[in-house]
């Protein structure tokens, strides 16, 4: 089991490459879990907005009903996040005011929820998954406009 993000480019790449190579070396299936899904599952019953800090004054977010994802994941400025829920959870929900109660005890994905989601797949004998990171932003890197002159 490996966390798919959403998150920063380098951290996701390193973690997923490590998990994929370990799974291949050990001959065991790999399963990816969205960190927002773990928070959504742990938030319990009702309609909940999960928001984590995406930095740059943005949040990664998704909405859940009774632990099942309804919308997202996506990234947006907090003011642009649609809020039609009863409560919220995640560090982004605590940092930014979405106008609904915040489950302050649930700021980061609980390990037990991540494992429970993966365990559901293992019990159902789901096939191994290709571990693909959830990048919700466009890359910051850009191709250079032209060649730089070389002094001789």
N, C-alpha and C. Protein backbone atom coordinates (compact mmCIF):
# COMPACT_ATOMS: atom_id res chain seq x y z
N UNK A 1 0.85 -1.16 0.00
CA UNK A 1 0.00 0.00 0.00
C UNK A 1 0.90 1.23 0.00
N UNK A 2 0.54 2.20 -0.82
CA UNK A 2 1.28 3.45 -0.89
C UNK A 2 0.32 4.60 -1.05
N UNK A 3 0.66 5.72 -0.44
CA UNK A 3 -0.14 6.93 -0.59
C UNK A 3 0.10 7.56 -1.95
N UNK A 4 -0.98 7.87 -2.68
CA UNK A 4 -0.88 8.45 -4.01
C UNK A 4 -0.87 9.97 -4.00
N UNK A 5 -1.11 10.55 -2.85
CA UNK A 5 -1.21 12.01 -2.79
C UNK A 5 -2.67 12.39 -2.72
N UNK A 6 -3.02 13.59 -3.05
CA UNK A 6 -2.21 14.58 -3.74
C UNK A 6 -1.12 15.15 -2.85
N UNK A 7 -0.05 15.61 -3.50
CA UNK A 7 1.07 16.16 -2.76
C UNK A 7 2.15 16.67 -3.68
N UNK A 8 3.29 17.05 -3.10
CA UNK A 8 4.40 17.60 -3.88
C UNK A 8 5.01 16.55 -4.82
N UNK A 9 5.46 17.00 -5.96
CA UNK A 9 5.97 16.15 -7.03
C UNK A 9 7.06 15.18 -6.56
N UNK A 10 8.14 15.71 -5.98
CA UNK A 10 9.29 14.87 -5.64
C UNK A 10 8.95 13.82 -4.60
N UNK A 11 8.27 14.22 -3.54
CA UNK A 11 7.92 13.26 -2.49
C UNK A 11 7.07 12.12 -3.00
N UNK A 12 6.10 12.43 -3.84
CA UNK A 12 5.25 11.37 -4.40
C UNK A 12 6.06 10.44 -5.28
N UNK A 13 6.91 11.00 -6.14
CA UNK A 13 7.70 10.19 -7.06
C UNK A 13 8.60 9.22 -6.30
N UNK A 14 9.30 9.72 -5.30
CA UNK A 14 10.22 8.88 -4.54
C UNK A 14 9.46 7.79 -3.80
N UNK A 15 8.38 8.15 -3.12
CA UNK A 15 7.62 7.17 -2.35
C UNK A 15 7.00 6.09 -3.23
N UNK A 16 6.43 6.50 -4.35
CA UNK A 16 5.77 5.52 -5.23
C UNK A 16 6.78 4.64 -5.95
N UNK A 17 7.92 5.20 -6.33
CA UNK A 17 8.95 4.38 -6.97
C UNK A 17 9.47 3.33 -5.98
N UNK A 18 9.63 3.73 -4.73
CA UNK A 18 10.08 2.79 -3.69
C UNK A 18 9.05 1.70 -3.47
N UNK A 19 7.79 2.07 -3.33
CA UNK A 19 6.72 1.08 -3.10
C UNK A 19 6.59 0.13 -4.28
N UNK A 20 6.66 0.65 -5.50
CA UNK A 20 6.54 -0.20 -6.69
C UNK A 20 7.70 -1.17 -6.79
N UNK A 21 8.92 -0.71 -6.51
CA UNK A 21 10.07 -1.61 -6.61
C UNK A 21 10.05 -2.66 -5.50
N UNK A 22 9.60 -2.29 -4.31
CA UNK A 22 9.50 -3.27 -3.23
C UNK A 22 8.44 -4.33 -3.56
N UNK A 23 7.31 -3.90 -4.08
CA UNK A 23 6.27 -4.85 -4.47
C UNK A 23 6.76 -5.81 -5.54
N UNK A 24 7.49 -5.27 -6.52
CA UNK A 24 8.00 -6.12 -7.59
C UNK A 24 9.06 -7.08 -7.05
N UNK A 25 9.98 -6.59 -6.22
CA UNK A 25 11.04 -7.44 -5.68
C UNK A 25 10.48 -8.55 -4.79
N UNK A 26 9.43 -8.25 -4.03
CA UNK A 26 8.85 -9.23 -3.12
C UNK A 26 7.76 -10.08 -3.78
N UNK A 27 7.38 -9.70 -4.99
CA UNK A 27 6.34 -10.45 -5.70
C UNK A 27 4.96 -10.30 -5.06
N UNK A 28 4.69 -9.13 -4.51
CA UNK A 28 3.39 -8.89 -3.88
C UNK A 28 2.66 -7.77 -4.61
N UNK A 29 1.34 -7.78 -4.57
CA UNK A 29 0.59 -6.71 -5.26
C UNK A 29 0.76 -5.37 -4.56
N UNK A 30 0.62 -4.31 -5.33
CA UNK A 30 0.68 -2.96 -4.77
C UNK A 30 -0.67 -2.28 -4.97
N UNK A 31 -1.02 -1.46 -3.99
CA UNK A 31 -2.29 -0.73 -4.02
C UNK A 31 -2.03 0.71 -3.62
N UNK A 32 -2.60 1.63 -4.37
CA UNK A 32 -2.46 3.04 -4.06
C UNK A 32 -3.70 3.58 -3.39
N UNK A 33 -3.50 4.47 -2.42
CA UNK A 33 -4.61 5.05 -1.67
C UNK A 33 -4.47 6.58 -1.68
N UNK A 34 -5.53 7.26 -2.07
CA UNK A 34 -5.58 8.72 -2.02
C UNK A 34 -5.68 9.15 -0.56
N UNK A 35 -4.81 10.07 -0.15
CA UNK A 35 -4.82 10.51 1.25
C UNK A 35 -6.14 11.18 1.62
N UNK A 36 -6.79 11.83 0.66
CA UNK A 36 -8.08 12.45 0.95
C UNK A 36 -9.13 11.38 1.24
N UNK A 37 -9.03 10.23 0.55
CA UNK A 37 -9.97 9.13 0.80
C UNK A 37 -9.85 8.61 2.23
N UNK A 38 -8.60 8.54 2.72
CA UNK A 38 -8.41 8.08 4.10
C UNK A 38 -9.05 9.05 5.09
N UNK A 39 -8.89 10.34 4.86
CA UNK A 39 -9.54 11.32 5.73
C UNK A 39 -11.06 11.23 5.62
N UNK A 40 -11.55 11.06 4.38
CA UNK A 40 -13.00 10.94 4.17
C UNK A 40 -13.59 9.74 4.88
N UNK A 41 -12.86 8.63 4.83
CA UNK A 41 -13.34 7.42 5.51
C UNK A 41 -13.33 7.61 7.02
N UNK A 42 -12.28 8.23 7.53
CA UNK A 42 -12.16 8.43 8.97
C UNK A 42 -13.16 9.45 9.50
N UNK A 43 -13.65 10.35 8.63
CA UNK A 43 -14.58 11.38 9.07
C UNK A 43 -15.95 10.83 9.44
N UNK A 44 -16.23 9.60 9.03
CA UNK A 44 -17.48 8.95 9.44
C UNK A 44 -18.70 9.38 8.65
N UNK A 45 -19.88 9.24 9.26
CA UNK A 45 -21.13 9.49 8.53
C UNK A 45 -21.37 10.97 8.26
N UNK A 46 -22.22 11.21 7.26
CA UNK A 46 -22.59 12.57 6.90
C UNK A 46 -21.85 13.06 5.68
N UNK A 47 -22.14 14.31 5.31
CA UNK A 47 -21.48 14.95 4.16
C UNK A 47 -20.32 15.77 4.68
N UNK A 48 -19.12 15.51 4.18
CA UNK A 48 -17.93 16.16 4.70
C UNK A 48 -17.03 16.65 3.56
N UNK A 49 -16.45 17.82 3.78
CA UNK A 49 -15.44 18.38 2.89
C UNK A 49 -14.08 18.06 3.49
N UNK A 50 -13.23 17.40 2.73
CA UNK A 50 -11.86 17.15 3.16
C UNK A 50 -10.98 18.14 2.42
N UNK A 51 -10.20 18.91 3.16
CA UNK A 51 -9.32 19.90 2.56
C UNK A 51 -7.95 19.83 3.22
N UNK A 52 -6.91 19.65 2.42
CA UNK A 52 -5.55 19.66 2.94
C UNK A 52 -4.81 20.83 2.32
N UNK A 53 -3.79 21.28 3.01
CA UNK A 53 -3.04 22.45 2.56
C UNK A 53 -2.18 22.09 1.35
N UNK A 54 -2.43 22.76 0.24
CA UNK A 54 -1.67 22.53 -0.99
C UNK A 54 -0.58 23.59 -1.15
N UNK A 55 -0.41 24.43 -0.14
CA UNK A 55 0.50 25.57 -0.17
C UNK A 55 0.06 26.54 -1.26
N UNK A 56 0.78 27.59 -1.46
CA UNK A 56 0.43 28.62 -2.45
C UNK A 56 -0.98 29.17 -2.26
N UNK A 57 -1.45 29.15 -1.02
CA UNK A 57 -2.80 29.61 -0.67
C UNK A 57 -3.88 28.84 -1.41
N UNK A 58 -3.65 27.53 -1.57
CA UNK A 58 -4.61 26.63 -2.20
C UNK A 58 -4.83 25.42 -1.31
N UNK A 59 -5.89 24.67 -1.61
CA UNK A 59 -6.16 23.42 -0.91
C UNK A 59 -6.42 22.30 -1.93
N UNK A 60 -6.03 21.09 -1.54
CA UNK A 60 -6.49 19.89 -2.23
C UNK A 60 -7.79 19.53 -1.53
N UNK A 61 -8.82 19.20 -2.29
CA UNK A 61 -10.10 18.92 -1.64
C UNK A 61 -10.90 17.86 -2.37
N UNK A 62 -11.82 17.27 -1.63
CA UNK A 62 -12.81 16.34 -2.16
C UNK A 62 -13.95 16.31 -1.16
N UNK A 63 -15.13 15.89 -1.62
CA UNK A 63 -16.27 15.76 -0.70
C UNK A 63 -16.67 14.29 -0.60
N UNK A 64 -17.19 13.94 0.55
CA UNK A 64 -17.55 12.55 0.86
C UNK A 64 -18.92 12.49 1.51
N UNK A 65 -19.63 11.44 1.22
CA UNK A 65 -20.88 11.15 1.90
C UNK A 65 -20.73 9.77 2.53
N UNK A 66 -20.84 9.72 3.84
CA UNK A 66 -20.69 8.47 4.59
C UNK A 66 -19.40 7.74 4.22
N UNK A 67 -18.31 8.50 4.04
CA UNK A 67 -17.00 7.91 3.77
C UNK A 67 -16.72 7.59 2.32
N UNK A 68 -17.67 7.82 1.42
CA UNK A 68 -17.49 7.52 0.00
C UNK A 68 -17.33 8.83 -0.77
N UNK A 69 -16.29 8.89 -1.60
CA UNK A 69 -16.01 10.12 -2.35
C UNK A 69 -17.13 10.43 -3.33
N UNK A 70 -17.58 11.69 -3.29
CA UNK A 70 -18.63 12.18 -4.19
C UNK A 70 -18.04 13.08 -5.27
N UNK A 71 -17.11 13.97 -4.89
CA UNK A 71 -16.46 14.86 -5.85
C UNK A 71 -14.98 14.94 -5.56
N UNK A 72 -14.20 15.29 -6.59
CA UNK A 72 -12.77 15.49 -6.42
C UNK A 72 -12.00 14.21 -6.68
N UNK A 73 -10.74 14.24 -6.41
CA UNK A 73 -9.97 15.31 -5.80
C UNK A 73 -9.66 16.41 -6.80
N UNK A 74 -9.43 17.60 -6.24
CA UNK A 74 -9.11 18.76 -7.06
C UNK A 74 -8.27 19.72 -6.22
N UNK A 75 -7.78 20.78 -6.86
CA UNK A 75 -7.01 21.82 -6.17
C UNK A 75 -7.62 23.16 -6.55
N UNK A 76 -7.73 24.06 -5.55
CA UNK A 76 -8.32 25.38 -5.81
C UNK A 76 -7.97 26.33 -4.68
N UNK A 77 -8.21 27.60 -4.95
CA UNK A 77 -8.15 28.61 -3.88
C UNK A 77 -9.31 28.32 -2.94
N UNK A 78 -9.15 28.50 -1.64
CA UNK A 78 -10.23 28.20 -0.70
C UNK A 78 -11.56 28.87 -1.05
N UNK A 79 -11.52 30.10 -1.54
CA UNK A 79 -12.76 30.80 -1.89
C UNK A 79 -13.50 30.16 -3.06
N UNK A 80 -12.79 29.35 -3.86
CA UNK A 80 -13.38 28.71 -5.03
C UNK A 80 -13.89 27.29 -4.77
N UNK A 81 -13.71 26.80 -3.54
CA UNK A 81 -14.14 25.43 -3.20
C UNK A 81 -15.64 25.42 -2.94
N UNK A 82 -16.39 24.59 -3.67
CA UNK A 82 -17.83 24.50 -3.40
C UNK A 82 -18.08 23.81 -2.07
N UNK A 83 -18.89 24.43 -1.23
CA UNK A 83 -19.16 23.89 0.11
C UNK A 83 -20.65 23.60 0.24
N UNK A 84 -21.00 22.33 0.17
CA UNK A 84 -22.38 21.88 0.36
C UNK A 84 -22.34 20.65 1.27
N UNK A 85 -21.78 20.86 2.47
CA UNK A 85 -21.52 19.76 3.39
C UNK A 85 -21.95 20.15 4.81
N UNK A 86 -21.92 19.17 5.71
CA UNK A 86 -22.27 19.40 7.10
C UNK A 86 -21.07 19.73 7.97
N UNK A 87 -19.89 19.24 7.56
CA UNK A 87 -18.69 19.43 8.36
C UNK A 87 -17.47 19.33 7.44
N UNK A 88 -16.29 19.62 8.01
CA UNK A 88 -15.06 19.54 7.25
C UNK A 88 -13.98 18.90 8.11
N UNK A 89 -12.90 18.47 7.43
CA UNK A 89 -11.76 17.87 8.13
C UNK A 89 -10.53 18.10 7.28
N UNK A 90 -9.37 17.95 7.90
CA UNK A 90 -8.10 18.13 7.22
C UNK A 90 -7.46 19.44 7.63
N UNK A 91 -6.13 19.49 7.50
CA UNK A 91 -5.41 20.69 7.92
C UNK A 91 -5.83 21.92 7.13
N UNK A 92 -6.22 21.75 5.87
CA UNK A 92 -6.69 22.89 5.08
C UNK A 92 -8.01 23.42 5.58
N UNK A 93 -8.85 22.55 6.10
CA UNK A 93 -10.14 22.97 6.65
C UNK A 93 -9.93 23.78 7.92
N UNK A 94 -8.90 23.44 8.68
CA UNK A 94 -8.60 24.20 9.90
C UNK A 94 -7.96 25.54 9.56
N UNK A 95 -7.10 25.55 8.55
CA UNK A 95 -6.37 26.76 8.17
C UNK A 95 -7.28 27.80 7.51
N UNK A 96 -8.23 27.33 6.70
CA UNK A 96 -9.12 28.24 5.96
C UNK A 96 -10.55 28.03 6.45
N UNK A 97 -11.32 29.08 6.55
CA UNK A 97 -12.69 28.99 7.05
C UNK A 97 -13.65 28.69 5.92
N UNK A 98 -14.26 27.51 5.95
CA UNK A 98 -15.23 27.14 4.93
C UNK A 98 -16.67 27.33 5.43
N UNK A 99 -16.83 27.84 6.64
CA UNK A 99 -18.16 28.14 7.16
C UNK A 99 -18.91 26.94 7.70
N UNK A 100 -18.23 25.82 7.91
CA UNK A 100 -18.85 24.63 8.50
C UNK A 100 -17.94 24.14 9.63
N UNK A 101 -18.48 23.38 10.60
CA UNK A 101 -17.65 22.89 11.70
C UNK A 101 -16.48 22.04 11.18
N UNK A 102 -15.35 22.16 11.88
CA UNK A 102 -14.13 21.41 11.52
C UNK A 102 -13.90 20.30 12.53
N UNK A 103 -13.68 19.10 12.03
CA UNK A 103 -13.29 17.96 12.89
C UNK A 103 -11.80 18.15 13.21
N UNK A 104 -11.50 18.90 14.26
CA UNK A 104 -10.12 19.28 14.56
C UNK A 104 -9.23 18.11 14.96
N UNK A 105 -9.81 16.99 15.34
CA UNK A 105 -9.02 15.82 15.69
C UNK A 105 -8.56 15.06 14.43
N UNK A 106 -9.06 15.48 13.27
CA UNK A 106 -8.79 14.76 12.02
C UNK A 106 -8.15 15.71 11.01
N UNK A 107 -6.85 15.97 11.22
CA UNK A 107 -6.15 16.91 10.35
C UNK A 107 -5.31 16.22 9.28
N UNK A 108 -4.83 15.01 9.57
CA UNK A 108 -3.96 14.28 8.64
C UNK A 108 -4.52 12.87 8.43
N UNK A 109 -4.19 12.23 7.31
CA UNK A 109 -4.74 10.89 7.04
C UNK A 109 -4.31 9.89 8.12
N UNK A 110 -5.25 9.29 8.82
CA UNK A 110 -4.88 8.30 9.83
C UNK A 110 -4.36 7.03 9.17
N UNK A 111 -3.29 6.49 9.70
CA UNK A 111 -2.72 5.26 9.16
C UNK A 111 -3.73 4.13 9.12
N UNK A 112 -4.58 4.04 10.15
CA UNK A 112 -5.57 2.97 10.19
C UNK A 112 -6.55 3.06 9.03
N UNK A 113 -6.92 4.26 8.62
CA UNK A 113 -7.84 4.42 7.50
C UNK A 113 -7.16 4.07 6.18
N UNK A 114 -5.90 4.45 6.02
CA UNK A 114 -5.14 4.09 4.81
C UNK A 114 -5.06 2.57 4.69
N UNK A 115 -4.72 1.91 5.80
CA UNK A 115 -4.59 0.46 5.79
C UNK A 115 -5.95 -0.20 5.55
N UNK A 116 -7.02 0.33 6.13
CA UNK A 116 -8.35 -0.25 5.95
C UNK A 116 -8.77 -0.21 4.48
N UNK A 117 -8.47 0.88 3.79
CA UNK A 117 -8.83 0.98 2.37
C UNK A 117 -8.05 -0.05 1.56
N UNK A 118 -6.75 -0.16 1.83
CA UNK A 118 -5.94 -1.17 1.13
C UNK A 118 -6.39 -2.58 1.49
N UNK A 119 -6.73 -2.80 2.76
CA UNK A 119 -7.18 -4.14 3.20
C UNK A 119 -8.45 -4.57 2.48
N UNK A 120 -9.35 -3.62 2.21
CA UNK A 120 -10.56 -3.94 1.45
C UNK A 120 -10.19 -4.50 0.08
N UNK A 121 -9.19 -3.92 -0.56
CA UNK A 121 -8.76 -4.39 -1.89
C UNK A 121 -8.09 -5.75 -1.80
N UNK A 122 -7.30 -5.95 -0.76
CA UNK A 122 -6.62 -7.23 -0.59
C UNK A 122 -7.64 -8.34 -0.35
N UNK A 123 -8.61 -8.08 0.53
CA UNK A 123 -9.64 -9.09 0.82
C UNK A 123 -10.47 -9.44 -0.41
N UNK A 124 -10.69 -8.45 -1.27
CA UNK A 124 -11.47 -8.72 -2.48
C UNK A 124 -10.59 -9.29 -3.60
N UNK A 125 -9.32 -9.52 -3.29
CA UNK A 125 -8.34 -10.08 -4.23
C UNK A 125 -8.25 -9.23 -5.50
N UNK A 126 -8.29 -7.92 -5.31
CA UNK A 126 -8.15 -6.99 -6.44
C UNK A 126 -6.77 -7.16 -7.05
N UNK A 127 -6.66 -7.00 -8.35
CA UNK A 127 -5.34 -7.11 -8.98
C UNK A 127 -4.43 -5.96 -8.55
N UNK A 128 -3.15 -6.20 -8.63
CA UNK A 128 -2.18 -5.17 -8.32
C UNK A 128 -2.42 -3.94 -9.20
N UNK A 129 -2.12 -2.77 -8.65
CA UNK A 129 -2.34 -1.53 -9.38
C UNK A 129 -1.02 -0.87 -9.75
N UNK A 130 -1.01 -0.18 -10.85
CA UNK A 130 0.13 0.67 -11.17
C UNK A 130 0.02 1.89 -10.27
N UNK A 131 1.07 2.20 -9.57
CA UNK A 131 1.04 3.30 -8.61
C UNK A 131 1.27 4.62 -9.34
N UNK A 132 0.19 5.34 -9.57
CA UNK A 132 0.23 6.59 -10.31
C UNK A 132 -0.05 7.75 -9.36
N UNK A 133 0.88 8.70 -9.26
CA UNK A 133 0.67 9.83 -8.34
C UNK A 133 -0.47 10.74 -8.77
N UNK A 134 -1.14 11.31 -7.78
CA UNK A 134 -2.19 12.30 -8.04
C UNK A 134 -1.58 13.69 -8.07
N UNK A 135 -1.22 14.13 -9.26
CA UNK A 135 -0.74 15.50 -9.43
C UNK A 135 -1.94 16.33 -9.85
N UNK A 136 -2.31 17.28 -9.06
CA UNK A 136 -3.48 18.09 -9.37
C UNK A 136 -3.11 19.46 -9.91
N UNK A 137 -1.83 19.76 -9.93
CA UNK A 137 -1.34 21.03 -10.47
C UNK A 137 -0.53 20.77 -11.73
N UNK A 138 -0.46 21.80 -12.56
CA UNK A 138 0.44 21.73 -13.71
C UNK A 138 1.86 21.88 -13.18
N UNK A 139 2.85 21.29 -13.86
CA UNK A 139 4.24 21.41 -13.41
C UNK A 139 4.71 22.86 -13.42
N UNK A 140 5.59 23.20 -12.50
CA UNK A 140 6.18 24.53 -12.44
C UNK A 140 7.29 24.70 -13.48
N UNK A 141 7.95 23.62 -13.81
CA UNK A 141 9.07 23.69 -14.74
C UNK A 141 8.57 24.03 -16.14
N UNK A 142 9.33 24.84 -16.82
CA UNK A 142 9.00 25.20 -18.19
C UNK A 142 10.24 24.99 -19.06
N UNK A 143 9.99 24.69 -20.30
CA UNK A 143 11.09 24.51 -21.24
C UNK A 143 11.69 25.88 -21.55
N UNK A 144 13.01 25.96 -21.61
CA UNK A 144 13.64 27.25 -21.92
C UNK A 144 13.16 27.79 -23.27
N UNK A 145 13.06 29.11 -23.36
CA UNK A 145 12.58 29.75 -24.58
C UNK A 145 13.58 29.63 -25.72
N UNK A 146 14.83 29.66 -25.43
CA UNK A 146 15.85 29.58 -26.48
C UNK A 146 17.20 29.25 -25.88
N UNK A 147 18.16 29.10 -26.74
CA UNK A 147 19.52 28.77 -26.27
C UNK A 147 20.20 30.02 -25.72
N UNK A 148 20.96 29.82 -24.70
CA UNK A 148 21.72 30.93 -24.15
C UNK A 148 23.03 31.06 -24.94
N UNK A 149 23.47 32.29 -25.17
CA UNK A 149 24.73 32.45 -25.91
C UNK A 149 25.91 31.96 -25.07
N UNK A 150 26.86 31.37 -25.73
CA UNK A 150 28.05 30.85 -25.05
C UNK A 150 29.21 31.77 -25.39
N UNK A 151 29.91 32.22 -24.39
CA UNK A 151 31.07 33.07 -24.59
C UNK A 151 32.28 32.19 -24.86
N UNK A 152 33.07 32.58 -25.84
CA UNK A 152 34.29 31.81 -26.14
C UNK A 152 35.53 32.60 -25.88
